[in-house]
Protein backbone atom coordinates (compact mmCIF):
# COMPACT_ATOMS: atom_id res chain seq x y z
CA MET A 1 0.55 -0.35 0.08
CA THR A 2 1.32 3.93 -0.40
CA THR A 3 0.69 6.82 1.29
CA PRO A 4 -0.63 9.44 -0.02
CA PRO A 5 1.73 12.23 -0.95
CA THR A 6 1.20 14.59 2.06
CA HIS A 7 1.45 18.54 1.13
CA THR A 8 0.24 21.66 2.63
CA PRO A 9 -3.14 22.88 0.85
CA ARG A 10 -2.68 26.09 -0.80
CA PRO A 11 -4.68 28.89 1.28
CA PRO A 12 -8.13 29.86 0.12
CA ARG A 13 -8.28 32.69 -3.43
CA THR A 14 -9.25 35.71 -1.50
CA HIS A 15 -7.00 34.71 1.23
CA ARG A 16 -3.49 35.35 -1.31
CA LEU A 17 -5.67 38.29 -2.29
CA ARG A 18 -6.20 40.52 1.07
CA ARG A 19 -2.02 38.98 1.18
CA LEU A 20 -1.41 41.10 -2.26
CA ALA A 21 -3.72 44.12 -1.36
CA THR A 22 -2.36 44.89 2.15
CA THR A 23 0.75 44.83 0.55
CA ALA A 24 -0.01 46.67 -2.70
CA VAL A 25 -0.89 49.43 0.07
CA LEU A 26 2.29 49.35 1.58
CA ILE A 27 3.98 49.54 -2.14
CA VAL A 28 1.59 52.28 -3.57
CA GLY A 29 1.84 54.76 -0.36
CA GLY A 30 5.90 54.22 -0.29
CA GLY A 31 5.94 54.65 -3.21
CA ALA A 32 4.15 57.91 -2.76
CA ILE A 33 5.56 58.68 -0.06
CA THR A 34 9.48 58.49 -1.76
CA LEU A 35 8.03 60.31 -5.33
CA GLY A 36 7.61 63.09 -2.60
CA ALA A 37 11.29 62.90 -0.85
CA TRP A 38 12.32 62.78 -4.59
CA LEU A 39 10.73 65.37 -6.16
CA GLY A 40 11.38 67.28 -3.05
CA GLY A 41 15.21 67.41 -3.83
CA ASP A 42 15.84 64.86 -1.06
CA HIS A 43 17.15 61.93 -3.45
CA ASP A 44 19.33 60.20 -0.69
CA LEU A 45 16.48 59.72 1.62
CA ALA A 46 14.17 59.01 -1.64
CA LEU A 47 16.23 55.86 -1.84
CA VAL A 48 15.94 54.97 1.89
CA LEU A 49 12.24 55.06 1.71
CA ALA A 50 11.99 52.82 -1.26
CA VAL A 51 14.24 50.12 0.36
CA PHE A 52 12.24 50.59 3.64
CA TYR A 53 8.86 50.52 1.62
CA VAL A 54 9.84 47.74 -0.09
CA VAL A 55 11.03 45.15 2.82
CA THR A 56 7.92 45.93 4.44
CA ALA A 57 5.95 45.03 1.96
CA VAL A 58 7.65 41.91 1.31
CA VAL A 59 8.02 41.38 5.71
CA ALA A 60 3.74 41.89 6.06
CA PHE A 61 3.45 39.20 2.84
CA VAL A 62 5.25 37.22 4.82
CA VAL A 63 3.16 37.68 7.87
CA ALA A 64 -0.26 37.90 6.48
CA GLY A 65 0.76 34.42 5.14
CA GLY A 66 1.53 33.22 8.99
CA ARG A 67 -1.42 32.50 11.70
CA GLY A 68 -2.35 34.37 14.54
CA ASP A 69 -3.86 38.06 15.35
CA VAL A 70 -1.60 39.83 13.26
CA ALA A 71 -1.67 37.33 10.25
CA ALA A 72 -5.15 37.56 10.23
CA LEU A 73 -5.46 41.03 10.44
CA LEU A 74 -2.30 42.06 7.94
CA ARG A 75 -5.85 39.79 5.72
CA VAL A 76 -8.86 41.94 6.74
CA ALA A 77 -9.56 38.63 8.21
CA GLY A 78 -10.45 38.63 11.96
CA ASP A 79 -12.33 37.75 13.55
CA GLU A 80 -14.18 40.04 16.19
CA ARG A 81 -11.27 39.97 18.89
CA GLN A 82 -9.32 40.05 16.42
CA ARG A 83 -11.27 43.59 15.60
CA SER A 84 -11.22 44.35 18.67
CA LEU A 85 -7.63 43.80 19.89
CA ASP A 86 -6.94 45.87 16.50
CA LEU A 87 -9.83 48.39 17.45
CA ARG A 88 -8.00 49.03 20.64
CA ALA A 89 -4.09 49.05 19.20
CA THR A 90 -5.66 51.81 16.77
CA ALA A 91 -7.17 54.19 19.46
CA GLY A 92 -3.99 54.01 21.85
CA SER A 93 -2.28 54.90 18.85
CA ALA A 94 -4.62 57.80 17.72
CA LEU A 95 -3.75 58.96 22.06
CA ALA A 96 -0.19 59.44 20.95
CA MET A 97 -0.32 60.62 17.39
CA ALA A 98 -3.00 63.05 19.39
CA THR A 99 -0.10 64.18 22.74
CA PHE A 100 2.42 64.42 20.36
CA CYS A 101 1.21 67.22 18.23
CA LEU A 102 -0.90 69.02 21.13
CA GLY A 103 3.17 68.96 23.02
CA GLY A 104 4.58 70.31 19.72
CA MET A 105 2.40 72.52 19.41
CA VAL A 106 2.63 73.46 23.17
CA VAL A 107 6.39 73.72 22.68
CA ASP A 108 5.96 75.95 19.30
CA LEU A 109 3.34 78.04 20.83
CA ALA A 110 5.71 78.74 23.73
CA ARG A 111 8.97 79.17 21.60
CA GLY A 112 6.40 82.86 19.92
CA GLY A 113 5.73 80.91 17.11
CA SER A 114 2.16 80.12 15.38
CA GLY A 115 1.58 76.63 16.71
CA SER A 116 1.77 75.34 13.00
CA PRO A 117 1.72 73.05 11.59
CA TRP A 118 0.27 70.95 15.03
CA ALA A 119 -2.91 73.54 15.76
CA LEU A 120 -3.76 72.01 12.12
CA VAL A 121 -3.30 68.55 12.82
CA CYS A 122 -4.95 68.67 15.73
CA ALA A 123 -7.75 70.38 14.12
CA VAL A 124 -7.99 67.12 11.67
CA GLY A 125 -8.35 64.63 14.50
CA GLY A 126 -10.26 66.76 16.85
CA VAL A 127 -12.95 67.19 13.48
CA SER A 128 -13.00 63.28 12.41
CA TYR A 129 -13.14 62.33 15.53
CA VAL A 130 -16.54 64.00 16.32
CA LEU A 131 -17.46 63.62 13.26
CA ALA A 132 -16.68 59.40 13.45
CA LEU A 133 -18.34 59.56 16.81
CA ALA A 134 -21.83 61.14 15.01
CA VAL A 135 -21.82 58.01 12.33
CA VAL A 136 -21.13 55.50 14.82
CA ARG A 137 -23.34 56.47 17.23
CA ALA A 138 -26.15 56.93 14.44
CA ARG A 139 -25.21 53.50 13.27
CA HIS A 140 -26.46 51.93 16.46
């Protein structure tokens, strides 16, 4: 008797497409940032950014193919618990960025500046929070 060959089953097509989508977002977004640095005349930074985003995209593609919470979230396929983890992590990072922007605005104002660009970033954050809160509340 022969035993059937063992192989790893191929992931579903949507699984592969979602991995590619995550990678594409990193490549396109990173490409835009890299292009901005290049057009701004900082060619060394542009090259560093290009390498960084390509490496990041490859790592994301590999990690998204695995198992676990991070892989599922990178594939935009997390279950309720994983999406809750993502939501909490997103809120934590938003608070960190808001605190940093407020601090930057205070320091700039204390130095006699206008608070820019920190004030604008803080305003965008505050307005987007209020609008998101209104949308979420209306849906529930």
